N, C-alpha and C. Protein backbone atom coordinates (compact mmCIF):
# COMPACT_ATOMS: atom_id res chain seq x y z
N MET A 1 5.56 -7.22 17.16
CA MET A 1 4.43 -6.90 16.56
C MET A 1 4.20 -5.23 16.62
N ILE A 2 3.74 -4.78 15.82
CA ILE A 2 3.33 -3.47 15.15
C ILE A 2 2.13 -3.07 15.67
N ASN A 3 2.22 -1.80 16.28
CA ASN A 3 0.62 -1.22 16.72
C ASN A 3 0.93 0.52 17.01
N ILE A 4 0.14 0.66 15.19
CA ILE A 4 0.40 2.56 15.07
C ILE A 4 -1.17 3.24 15.24
N ASN A 5 -1.19 3.83 15.87
CA ASN A 5 -2.26 4.45 16.42
C ASN A 5 -2.92 5.61 15.58
N THR A 6 -3.58 6.25 15.22
CA THR A 6 -3.96 7.47 14.56
C THR A 6 -5.38 8.22 15.23
N ASN A 7 -5.74 9.23 14.80
CA ASN A 7 -7.03 9.63 15.46
C ASN A 7 -8.12 8.45 15.10
N ARG A 8 -7.87 7.94 13.96
CA ARG A 8 -9.45 7.07 13.40
C ARG A 8 -9.02 5.66 13.22
N LEU A 9 -7.65 5.38 13.29
CA LEU A 9 -7.26 3.92 12.43
C LEU A 9 -6.31 3.21 13.48
N ILE A 10 -6.01 1.83 13.35
CA ILE A 10 -5.00 1.17 13.87
C ILE A 10 -4.09 0.60 12.73
N LEU A 11 -2.88 0.73 12.80
CA LEU A 11 -1.98 -0.13 11.88
C LEU A 11 -1.38 -1.03 12.66
N ARG A 12 -1.76 -2.52 12.14
CA ARG A 12 -1.08 -3.61 13.21
C ARG A 12 -0.68 -4.64 12.15
N ASN A 13 -0.49 -5.79 12.80
CA ASN A 13 -0.13 -6.81 11.90
C ASN A 13 -1.64 -7.78 11.18
N PHE A 14 -1.62 -8.56 10.33
CA PHE A 14 -2.65 -8.98 10.17
C PHE A 14 -3.19 -10.09 10.88
N GLN A 15 -4.82 -10.43 11.31
CA GLN A 15 -4.81 -11.23 11.90
C GLN A 15 -6.22 -12.34 10.99
N LYS A 16 -6.07 -13.73 11.53
CA LYS A 16 -7.11 -14.29 10.64
C LYS A 16 -8.44 -13.36 10.59
N LYS A 17 -8.77 -12.62 11.51
CA LYS A 17 -10.30 -12.25 11.66
C LYS A 17 -10.18 -11.30 10.27
N ASP A 18 -9.36 -10.63 9.86
CA ASP A 18 -9.22 -9.76 8.70
C ASP A 18 -9.30 -10.60 7.55
N ALA A 19 -9.95 -11.45 7.25
CA ALA A 19 -10.11 -12.32 5.90
C ALA A 19 -11.16 -11.82 5.30
N HIS A 20 -12.65 -11.68 5.95
CA HIS A 20 -13.43 -10.87 5.11
C HIS A 20 -13.04 -9.63 4.61
N GLY A 21 -12.92 -8.68 5.64
CA GLY A 21 -12.07 -7.54 4.71
C GLY A 21 -11.11 -7.51 3.97
N LEU A 22 -10.58 -8.04 3.74
CA LEU A 22 -9.41 -8.74 2.90
C LEU A 22 -10.07 -9.18 1.43
N PHE A 23 -10.87 -10.25 1.68
CA PHE A 23 -11.66 -10.46 0.74
C PHE A 23 -12.29 -9.62 0.18
N GLU A 24 -13.05 -8.22 0.52
CA GLU A 24 -13.69 -7.37 -0.06
C GLU A 24 -13.17 -6.74 -0.86
N TYR A 25 -11.71 -6.60 -0.95
CA TYR A 25 -10.70 -5.54 -1.92
C TYR A 25 -10.05 -6.62 -2.76
N LEU A 26 -9.18 -7.65 -2.10
CA LEU A 26 -8.77 -8.40 -3.31
C LEU A 26 -9.97 -9.21 -3.99
N ALA A 27 -10.91 -9.11 -3.84
CA ALA A 27 -11.52 -10.19 -5.27
C ALA A 27 -11.56 -9.80 -6.11
N ASN A 28 -11.57 -8.30 -6.11
CA ASN A 28 -11.47 -7.59 -7.45
C ASN A 28 -10.97 -5.91 -7.59
N PRO A 29 -9.69 -6.65 -7.42
CA PRO A 29 -8.70 -5.36 -7.25
C PRO A 29 -8.80 -4.61 -8.73
N ARG A 30 -8.54 -3.48 -8.28
CA ARG A 30 -8.98 -2.00 -9.05
C ARG A 30 -7.68 -1.73 -9.81
N SER A 31 -6.87 -1.53 -9.00
CA SER A 31 -5.42 -1.38 -9.67
C SER A 31 -4.94 -2.63 -10.52
N SER A 32 -4.21 -2.61 -11.57
CA SER A 32 -3.78 -3.94 -12.08
C SER A 32 -2.35 -4.18 -11.64
N CYS A 33 -1.97 -3.52 -10.72
CA CYS A 33 -0.77 -3.95 -10.01
C CYS A 33 -0.92 -5.03 -8.80
N PHE A 34 -2.42 -4.83 -8.46
CA PHE A 34 -2.48 -5.47 -7.33
C PHE A 34 -3.26 -7.39 -7.81
N LEU A 35 -3.26 -7.47 -9.49
CA LEU A 35 -4.18 -8.66 -10.04
C LEU A 35 -3.45 -9.79 -9.65
N ASP A 36 -2.09 -9.96 -9.37
CA ASP A 36 -1.91 -11.15 -8.94
C ASP A 36 -2.11 -11.60 -7.58
N GLU A 37 -2.63 -10.46 -6.85
CA GLU A 37 -3.25 -10.77 -5.22
C GLU A 37 -4.33 -11.15 -5.38
N LYS A 38 -5.21 -11.22 -6.24
CA LYS A 38 -6.49 -11.62 -6.51
C LYS A 38 -7.09 -12.69 -5.93
N ILE A 39 -7.94 -12.88 -4.87
CA ILE A 39 -8.49 -14.22 -4.50
C ILE A 39 -9.78 -14.28 -4.86
N ASP A 40 -10.63 -15.61 -4.53
CA ASP A 40 -11.94 -15.93 -4.73
C ASP A 40 -12.81 -16.38 -3.69
N SER A 41 -11.86 -16.50 -2.41
CA SER A 41 -12.44 -17.37 -1.62
C SER A 41 -12.19 -16.48 -0.26
N ILE A 42 -12.75 -16.88 1.00
CA ILE A 42 -12.40 -16.54 2.03
C ILE A 42 -10.95 -17.48 2.66
N GLU A 43 -11.16 -18.83 2.00
CA GLU A 43 -10.12 -19.52 2.64
C GLU A 43 -8.85 -19.02 1.80
N GLN A 44 -8.97 -18.36 0.64
CA GLN A 44 -7.86 -18.06 0.05
C GLN A 44 -7.46 -16.57 0.89
N ALA A 45 -7.86 -15.96 1.10
CA ALA A 45 -7.79 -14.74 2.05
C ALA A 45 -6.98 -15.22 3.16
N ILE A 46 -7.52 -16.05 4.07
CA ILE A 46 -6.69 -16.74 5.05
C ILE A 46 -5.47 -16.98 4.87
N GLU A 47 -5.25 -17.73 3.20
CA GLU A 47 -3.97 -18.14 3.14
C GLU A 47 -3.15 -17.04 2.88
N HIS A 48 -3.59 -16.06 2.16
CA HIS A 48 -2.80 -14.45 2.20
C HIS A 48 -2.33 -14.34 3.26
N ILE A 49 -3.55 -13.75 4.25
CA ILE A 49 -2.82 -13.26 5.59
C ILE A 49 -1.95 -14.32 6.57
N ASN A 50 -2.03 -15.86 6.24
CA ASN A 50 -0.66 -16.74 6.64
C ASN A 50 0.23 -16.19 5.90
N GLN A 51 0.43 -16.14 4.39
CA GLN A 51 1.46 -15.54 3.86
C GLN A 51 2.27 -14.52 4.36
N ILE A 52 1.40 -13.07 4.39
CA ILE A 52 1.70 -11.97 4.41
C ILE A 52 2.58 -12.08 6.27
N ASN A 53 1.94 -12.73 7.26
CA ASN A 53 2.57 -13.16 8.13
C ASN A 53 3.86 -13.41 8.43
N THR A 54 4.38 -14.30 7.36
CA THR A 54 5.60 -14.79 7.05
C THR A 54 6.77 -13.89 6.88
N PHE A 55 6.35 -12.59 6.68
CA PHE A 55 7.29 -11.77 6.16
C PHE A 55 7.38 -10.93 7.47
N PRO A 56 8.85 -9.85 7.45
CA PRO A 56 8.87 -9.19 8.87
C PRO A 56 7.25 -8.42 9.09
N GLU A 57 7.20 -8.15 10.49
CA GLU A 57 6.01 -7.62 10.55
C GLU A 57 5.88 -6.21 10.19
N GLU A 58 6.44 -5.33 10.03
CA GLU A 58 6.34 -4.05 9.26
C GLU A 58 6.12 -3.54 7.74
N THR A 59 6.32 -5.19 7.27
CA THR A 59 6.36 -4.76 5.63
C THR A 59 5.05 -4.82 4.96
N ASN A 60 4.09 -5.38 5.43
CA ASN A 60 2.84 -5.37 5.27
C ASN A 60 1.92 -5.53 6.34
N ILE A 61 1.42 -4.24 6.65
CA ILE A 61 0.22 -4.17 7.75
C ILE A 61 -1.25 -4.04 7.51
N ALA A 62 -1.82 -4.24 8.46
CA ALA A 62 -3.41 -3.92 8.40
C ALA A 62 -3.52 -2.79 8.44
N VAL A 63 -4.65 -2.10 8.09
CA VAL A 63 -5.11 -0.40 8.19
C VAL A 63 -6.41 -1.02 8.99
N CYS A 64 -6.86 -0.82 9.87
CA CYS A 64 -8.49 -1.04 10.57
C CYS A 64 -8.81 0.51 10.89
N THR A 65 -10.11 0.35 11.13
CA THR A 65 -11.09 1.59 12.03
C THR A 65 -10.98 1.18 13.58
N LYS A 66 -10.46 2.34 14.12
CA LYS A 66 -10.81 2.47 15.49
C LYS A 66 -12.24 1.92 16.13
N GLY A 67 -12.22 1.27 17.27
CA GLY A 67 -13.79 0.99 17.61
C GLY A 67 -14.15 -0.28 17.18
N ASN A 68 -14.70 -0.73 15.91
CA ASN A 68 -14.68 -1.82 15.48
C ASN A 68 -13.86 -2.71 14.58
N ASP A 69 -12.33 -2.20 14.81
CA ASP A 69 -11.20 -3.14 14.29
C ASP A 69 -11.37 -3.81 13.04
N LEU A 70 -12.19 -2.75 11.97
CA LEU A 70 -12.69 -3.36 10.74
C LEU A 70 -11.21 -2.97 9.95
N LEU A 71 -11.02 -4.17 9.12
CA LEU A 71 -10.07 -3.62 8.19
C LEU A 71 -10.61 -2.87 7.21
N ILE A 72 -9.94 -2.41 6.27
CA ILE A 72 -10.15 -1.45 5.55
C ILE A 72 -9.15 -1.04 4.29
N GLY A 73 -8.01 -1.56 4.72
CA GLY A 73 -6.69 -1.55 3.54
C GLY A 73 -5.35 -2.24 4.20
N ASN A 74 -4.61 -1.87 3.60
CA ASN A 74 -3.11 -1.98 4.06
C ASN A 74 -2.42 -1.32 3.52
N MET A 75 -0.85 -1.39 4.02
CA MET A 75 0.14 -0.58 3.59
C MET A 75 1.34 -1.37 3.67
N PHE A 76 2.30 -1.25 2.60
CA PHE A 76 3.29 -2.31 2.82
C PHE A 76 4.74 -1.44 2.15
N SER A 77 5.71 -1.91 2.42
CA SER A 77 7.03 -1.53 1.89
C SER A 77 7.91 -2.64 1.94
N GLN A 78 9.37 -2.26 1.44
CA GLN A 78 10.25 -2.94 1.22
C GLN A 78 11.53 -2.34 1.11
N LYS A 79 12.16 -2.65 2.10
CA LYS A 79 13.43 -1.79 2.15
C LYS A 79 14.43 -2.33 1.31
N GLU A 80 15.10 -1.09 0.82
CA GLU A 80 16.29 -1.05 -0.02
C GLU A 80 17.68 -0.93 0.57
N ILE A 81 18.60 -1.53 0.53
CA ILE A 81 20.17 -1.03 1.06
C ILE A 81 20.43 -0.06 0.67
N PRO A 82 20.67 0.66 1.42
CA PRO A 82 21.04 0.89 2.92
C PRO A 82 19.81 1.30 3.58
N ASP A 83 19.13 2.43 3.34
CA ASP A 83 18.04 3.03 3.99
C ASP A 83 16.85 3.61 3.38
N THR A 84 16.83 3.09 1.91
CA THR A 84 15.87 3.58 1.32
C THR A 84 14.72 2.52 1.32
N TYR A 85 13.51 3.17 1.49
CA TYR A 85 12.05 2.25 1.28
C TYR A 85 11.38 2.67 -0.05
N SER A 86 10.40 1.54 -0.60
CA SER A 86 9.98 1.75 -1.19
C SER A 86 8.12 1.35 -0.73
N VAL A 87 7.09 1.93 -0.70
CA VAL A 87 6.00 1.98 -0.30
C VAL A 87 4.92 1.83 -1.04
N GLY A 88 4.01 0.99 -0.34
CA GLY A 88 2.26 1.14 -1.35
C GLY A 88 1.39 0.71 -0.54
N TRP A 89 -0.02 0.93 -0.83
CA TRP A 89 -1.52 0.70 -0.29
C TRP A 89 -2.14 0.60 -1.07
N HIS A 90 -3.18 -0.48 -0.45
CA HIS A 90 -4.22 -0.66 -1.36
C HIS A 90 -5.49 -0.61 0.23
N PHE A 91 -6.65 -0.22 -0.68
CA PHE A 91 -7.58 0.24 -0.05
C PHE A 91 -9.11 0.11 -0.64
N ASN A 92 -9.93 -0.52 0.24
CA ASN A 92 -11.26 -1.18 -0.21
C ASN A 92 -11.90 0.22 -0.77
N LYS A 93 -12.27 0.26 -1.85
CA LYS A 93 -13.05 1.27 -2.48
C LYS A 93 -14.65 1.58 -1.57
N ASN A 94 -14.93 1.12 -0.83
CA ASN A 94 -16.50 1.60 -0.02
C ASN A 94 -16.01 2.32 1.18
N TYR A 95 -14.19 2.96 1.53
CA TYR A 95 -13.81 3.70 2.07
C TYR A 95 -12.87 4.96 1.71
N GLU A 96 -13.15 5.31 0.35
CA GLU A 96 -12.25 6.37 -0.39
C GLU A 96 -13.36 7.51 0.01
N GLY A 97 -12.23 8.46 -0.30
CA GLY A 97 -13.07 9.65 0.08
C GLY A 97 -12.96 10.21 1.70
N LYS A 98 -12.49 9.31 2.36
CA LYS A 98 -13.00 10.36 4.02
C LYS A 98 -11.55 10.11 4.53
N GLY A 99 -10.33 10.53 3.97
CA GLY A 99 -8.95 10.65 4.23
C GLY A 99 -8.26 9.73 5.08
N TYR A 100 -8.99 8.38 4.89
CA TYR A 100 -8.15 7.22 5.47
C TYR A 100 -7.03 6.63 4.64
N ALA A 101 -6.64 6.81 3.54
CA ALA A 101 -5.44 6.71 3.35
C ALA A 101 -4.70 7.62 3.47
N THR A 102 -4.62 8.85 3.47
CA THR A 102 -3.61 9.88 3.71
C THR A 102 -3.64 9.49 5.29
N GLU A 103 -4.13 9.47 6.12
CA GLU A 103 -4.13 9.32 7.63
C GLU A 103 -3.12 8.17 7.69
N ALA A 104 -3.44 7.06 7.04
CA ALA A 104 -2.52 5.65 7.32
C ALA A 104 -1.23 5.81 6.51
N ALA A 105 -1.04 6.57 5.25
CA ALA A 105 -0.02 6.64 4.69
C ALA A 105 1.16 7.51 5.49
N THR A 106 0.35 8.62 6.22
CA THR A 106 1.22 9.38 6.98
C THR A 106 1.86 8.41 8.15
N ALA A 107 0.98 8.03 8.98
CA ALA A 107 1.68 7.26 10.00
C ALA A 107 2.60 6.25 9.75
N TYR A 108 2.40 5.39 8.41
CA TYR A 108 3.12 5.03 8.28
C TYR A 108 4.52 5.27 7.66
N ILE A 109 4.77 6.31 6.84
CA ILE A 109 6.05 6.64 6.54
C ILE A 109 6.72 7.54 7.83
N ASP A 110 6.04 8.03 8.59
CA ASP A 110 6.66 8.47 9.75
C ASP A 110 7.06 7.38 10.35
N PHE A 111 6.30 6.26 10.62
CA PHE A 111 7.10 5.15 11.60
C PHE A 111 8.40 4.41 10.65
N LEU A 112 8.30 4.68 9.17
CA LEU A 112 9.45 4.38 8.86
C LEU A 112 10.49 5.13 8.86
N PHE A 113 10.52 6.45 8.82
CA PHE A 113 11.52 7.48 9.24
C PHE A 113 11.95 7.46 10.38
N ALA A 114 11.31 7.31 11.33
CA ALA A 114 11.41 7.35 12.69
C ALA A 114 11.73 6.63 13.42
N HIS A 115 11.17 4.98 13.04
CA HIS A 115 11.44 3.94 14.01
C HIS A 115 12.77 2.85 12.95
N LYS A 116 12.45 3.16 11.63
CA LYS A 116 13.25 2.28 10.67
C LYS A 116 14.77 2.81 10.10
N ASN A 117 14.57 4.13 10.52
CA ASN A 117 15.91 5.03 10.13
C ASN A 117 16.17 5.43 8.70
N ALA A 118 14.67 5.48 7.71
CA ALA A 118 14.57 5.53 6.40
C ALA A 118 15.34 6.69 6.17
N SER A 119 15.92 6.92 5.01
CA SER A 119 16.39 8.61 4.70
C SER A 119 15.37 8.49 3.63
N ARG A 120 14.81 8.12 2.60
CA ARG A 120 14.12 8.01 1.42
C ARG A 120 13.11 7.12 1.46
N ILE A 121 11.67 7.36 0.93
CA ILE A 121 10.99 6.75 0.68
C ILE A 121 10.80 7.20 -0.87
N TYR A 122 10.02 5.93 -1.33
CA TYR A 122 9.48 6.18 -2.93
C TYR A 122 8.29 5.32 -3.21
N ALA A 123 7.41 5.71 -4.13
CA ALA A 123 6.40 4.73 -4.55
C ALA A 123 6.28 5.06 -6.14
N TYR A 124 5.82 3.36 -6.36
CA TYR A 124 5.72 3.49 -7.85
C TYR A 124 4.53 3.62 -8.21
N VAL A 125 3.67 4.75 -9.14
CA VAL A 125 2.22 4.79 -9.23
C VAL A 125 2.14 4.71 -10.78
N GLU A 126 1.04 3.56 -11.26
CA GLU A 126 0.83 3.49 -12.41
C GLU A 126 -0.17 5.08 -12.70
N GLU A 127 -0.04 5.44 -14.17
CA GLU A 127 -0.32 6.28 -14.70
C GLU A 127 -1.56 6.76 -14.57
N ASN A 128 -2.12 5.79 -14.71
CA ASN A 128 -4.07 5.89 -14.73
C ASN A 128 -4.50 5.81 -13.29
N ASN A 129 -3.39 5.96 -12.49
CA ASN A 129 -4.23 5.34 -11.03
C ASN A 129 -3.92 6.74 -10.04
N ILE A 130 -5.25 7.62 -10.51
CA ILE A 130 -5.17 9.08 -10.05
C ILE A 130 -5.36 9.07 -8.47
N ARG A 131 -5.80 8.08 -7.80
CA ARG A 131 -6.09 8.20 -6.34
C ARG A 131 -4.95 8.32 -5.72
N SER A 132 -3.93 7.10 -6.38
CA SER A 132 -2.73 7.35 -5.45
C SER A 132 -1.83 8.05 -5.83
N LYS A 133 -2.00 8.96 -7.10
CA LYS A 133 -1.22 10.06 -7.32
C LYS A 133 -1.47 11.26 -6.71
N LYS A 134 -2.59 11.59 -6.57
CA LYS A 134 -2.75 12.19 -5.51
C LYS A 134 -2.78 12.23 -4.33
N LEU A 135 -2.56 11.24 -3.77
CA LEU A 135 -2.36 10.98 -2.41
C LEU A 135 -0.59 10.96 -2.30
N CYS A 136 -0.25 10.53 -2.98
CA CYS A 136 1.66 10.92 -2.95
C CYS A 136 1.86 12.27 -2.73
N GLU A 137 1.13 13.32 -3.71
CA GLU A 137 1.11 14.77 -3.60
C GLU A 137 0.41 15.28 -2.18
N ARG A 138 -0.81 14.59 -1.54
CA ARG A 138 -0.77 15.31 -0.41
C ARG A 138 0.35 14.71 0.74
N LEU A 139 1.16 13.74 0.55
CA LEU A 139 2.03 13.16 1.40
C LEU A 139 3.23 14.28 1.07
N GLY A 140 3.42 14.94 0.41
CA GLY A 140 4.42 16.28 -0.06
C GLY A 140 5.74 15.03 -0.74
N MET A 141 5.22 14.23 -1.37
CA MET A 141 6.19 13.17 -2.16
C MET A 141 5.99 14.15 -3.32
N ARG A 142 7.60 14.47 -4.16
CA ARG A 142 7.49 14.64 -5.29
C ARG A 142 7.39 13.74 -6.50
N GLN A 143 7.09 14.35 -7.62
CA GLN A 143 7.23 13.44 -8.47
C GLN A 143 8.69 13.50 -9.35
N GLU A 144 9.26 12.22 -9.25
CA GLU A 144 10.47 12.22 -9.95
C GLU A 144 10.90 11.75 -11.15
N GLY A 145 10.16 11.21 -11.51
CA GLY A 145 10.16 10.85 -12.89
C GLY A 145 8.96 9.76 -13.60
N LEU A 146 8.97 9.56 -14.55
CA LEU A 146 8.26 8.91 -15.62
C LEU A 146 8.85 7.30 -16.22
N LEU A 147 8.35 6.35 -15.84
CA LEU A 147 8.78 5.48 -16.67
C LEU A 147 8.13 4.55 -17.60
N LEU A 148 8.02 5.15 -18.89
CA LEU A 148 7.48 4.68 -20.31
C LEU A 148 7.34 2.94 -20.00
N ASP A 149 6.26 2.59 -20.62
CA ASP A 149 6.29 1.08 -20.79
C ASP A 149 6.79 0.13 -19.91
N PHE A 150 6.65 0.78 -18.47
CA PHE A 150 7.75 0.13 -17.23
C PHE A 150 7.26 -1.21 -17.26
N VAL A 151 6.15 -1.59 -17.02
CA VAL A 151 5.53 -2.92 -16.04
C VAL A 151 4.48 -3.70 -16.66
N SER A 152 4.22 -4.69 -17.15
CA SER A 152 3.32 -5.29 -17.37
C SER A 152 2.35 -6.11 -16.43
N PHE A 153 1.07 -6.18 -15.98
CA PHE A 153 0.41 -6.63 -15.12
C PHE A 153 -0.37 -7.64 -16.01
N THR A 154 -1.15 -7.59 -17.16
CA THR A 154 -1.92 -8.17 -17.64
C THR A 154 -1.48 -8.21 -19.10
N LYS A 155 -2.57 -9.21 -19.58
CA LYS A 155 -2.28 -9.24 -21.35
C LYS A 155 -3.55 -9.25 -22.37
N ASP A 156 -3.36 -9.02 -23.22
CA ASP A 156 -4.44 -8.65 -24.07
C ASP A 156 -5.02 -9.86 -24.64
N ILE A 157 -6.23 -9.89 -25.37
CA ILE A 157 -6.62 -10.99 -26.05
C ILE A 157 -5.85 -12.06 -26.56
N ASN A 158 -4.76 -11.61 -27.05
CA ASN A 158 -4.05 -12.44 -28.10
C ASN A 158 -2.71 -12.73 -26.95
N GLY A 159 -2.78 -12.39 -26.08
CA GLY A 159 -1.79 -12.92 -25.25
C GLY A 159 -0.47 -12.07 -25.41
N ILE A 160 -0.51 -10.49 -25.65
CA ILE A 160 0.49 -9.89 -25.89
C ILE A 160 0.67 -8.98 -24.41
N CYS A 161 1.55 -8.90 -23.62
CA CYS A 161 1.77 -7.69 -22.72
C CYS A 161 1.14 -6.56 -22.83
N ILE A 162 0.61 -5.81 -21.91
CA ILE A 162 0.05 -4.41 -21.92
C ILE A 162 1.13 -3.86 -21.05
N TYR A 163 1.85 -3.05 -21.48
CA TYR A 163 2.31 -2.36 -20.76
C TYR A 163 2.14 -1.07 -20.05
N GLU A 164 2.33 -0.66 -18.72
CA GLU A 164 1.95 0.92 -18.40
C GLU A 164 2.96 1.43 -18.07
N ASN A 165 2.71 2.91 -18.15
CA ASN A 165 3.63 4.24 -17.63
C ASN A 165 3.41 3.98 -16.20
N THR A 166 4.94 4.04 -15.60
CA THR A 166 4.73 4.52 -14.21
C THR A 166 5.34 5.52 -13.78
N PHE A 167 5.01 6.43 -12.60
CA PHE A 167 5.15 7.38 -12.05
C PHE A 167 6.36 7.01 -10.85
N ILE A 168 6.89 8.01 -10.39
CA ILE A 168 8.01 7.42 -9.27
C ILE A 168 7.65 8.81 -8.61
N TYR A 169 7.25 8.60 -7.12
CA TYR A 169 7.26 9.61 -6.41
C TYR A 169 8.00 9.11 -5.08
N ALA A 170 8.69 10.62 -4.09
CA ALA A 170 9.71 10.36 -3.68
C ALA A 170 9.68 11.67 -2.61
N ILE A 171 10.07 11.26 -0.98
CA ILE A 171 10.12 12.21 -0.51
C ILE A 171 11.65 11.46 0.64
N LEU A 172 12.35 12.67 0.82
CA LEU A 172 13.51 12.36 1.91
C LEU A 172 13.17 12.46 3.33
N LYS A 173 13.78 11.99 4.09
CA LYS A 173 13.54 12.38 5.80
C LYS A 173 13.51 13.70 5.82
N ARG A 174 14.66 14.52 5.51
CA ARG A 174 14.73 16.00 5.87
C ARG A 174 13.75 16.77 5.32
N GLU A 175 13.18 16.36 4.22
CA GLU A 175 11.21 17.19 3.87
C GLU A 175 10.56 16.72 4.75
N TRP A 176 10.63 15.57 5.05
CA TRP A 176 9.24 14.82 5.87
C TRP A 176 9.25 16.07 6.96
N TYR A 177 10.35 16.00 7.40
CA TYR A 177 10.47 16.70 9.05
C TYR A 177 10.66 18.48 8.95
N ILE A 178 10.22 18.94 8.01
CA ILE A 178 10.34 20.67 7.83
C ILE A 178 8.98 21.09 8.64
């Protein structure tokens, strides 16, 4: 069971009570990379939480406010051999501009370096996702590249894939602890 505390947040495993909070931001995903996670009901949110909880506990974690334990987003990662992790985040738009994403991402990245022995952490960010690009920069991640027409999450009205340019941001353990 994971439990990371920051000044204002708790990062923990998802619980059934998080369904309403999850529904709030997955009912209308703002970033196209989350369109495949779109849900249409609280029941689907509960199913999504049950699915999340079948994965290792630290790979998709709830971000909740302290005091009221309200779900405001999530952090996720995937380990690549031997010690590289890709990371990402998804936050409720109603909590933007308050520093929650930076606080949660800082704690999660620190957890991966300190407790999972990561040596390198990177993130893919779609070119039009300005908030995530700025978050990567606040975290001290450097832009390593731009992948042109890298991935498609949607199709146009004729069924043709719409490809998105995607930035790669990364940070090394030795850079994190400077």
